[in-house]
Amino acid sequence: MSDRRELKAKIRGVRSTEKLTGAMRTISTANYAKAVAAWGSFRTYADACDGMLREAGDAGFPRDPGAAGDAGKGKVCFVVLTGNRALCGSYNEEVAGLFARCLRDDPGADVIFCGKWGSIHISPSVTGRWEDWPVSDVPSWSEAAALADRLRTGYESGRYSRVDFVTQQQRNLLIRKPVRETFLPAGADGGRDTAGGPPAGDHGFVFFPGREETARALAEICFRGKVYGALIGAAAGVQGATMFAMKNSNDNSRKLREQLETELQRLRQSSVTEGVIETSVPSGNGR
């Protein structure tokens, strides 16, 4: 009887886990569909923003002449994109592994964690200044714009000499690769004066109210778009990994529950069989 009680308790626990993982799988599936739809509709625009930023170079990001970065003292800033929860399998660990290698190259770098998992589990390894930048499971444009403005201000003031994103590049639902991508400076020599002629990219056009103002306004919009593309792309990867992890967990819970229920039925049948045998066998006096 005690074995049957223990099995029933185990079945209740496994059934609760099965319900929880099933609910998380449903939520992650909905978030993945939302993130993929947003990324699919925005990807072409994000690529165009990246191209315009490379063309303009630093022309759209005027830096303070007396800034520390111009004196070679600006820090590298890493923006680490992880999930908010430890439910996405090895996704977060892969990002953490790449970030650890990056941190060995720039041990005193500033770090911005976009994702609660990173600020909790990776931040103890950071020796420099770090901060937590909360983002939703499916980031909005306003969240991306706020982060982009924060990074642009740090770069233009000279606090940052370079801004690198550490994230996962998702090729499809099953294949992804940890990457480190430089977001600032935006380009090499694009948009600067060459040989006394018109600046690269001008093509003889007259800008109003002025080339510098136009370049700065364009860079602000494009940089926000590039950051949003990175955030929404990472969100799609996180939700996809979570969906698969929760599916596997839910399937394993279901299989374990079925095994325990089968074992419980065997114990019940065995108990019934023993009772039938005891009632059918004559007593010891042979009558």
Foldseek 3Di string as FASTA:
>chain_A
DVVLVVLVVVLVVLVVLLVVLVVLLVVLVVLLVVLCVVLVVQVVVLVVLLVLLQQQFCLQQAADPPAQQVVVRAAEEEEEEDAQDPQLPCFRVQLLVVVVVVCVVGQAHEYEYEYNVCVVPVVVSHPHHYDYQYADLQGDLVSLLVVLVVVSVCCRRRNHNWYKYWHWADPDLPDIHTDIGTPPSSHDQRQDDDPNDHGGPCVPPADPPHPSVVSNVSNSVSSSSNSSSVNSSRSSNRSSSSSVSSVVSSVVSVVVSVVSVVVSVVVVVVVVVVVVVVVPDDDPVPD
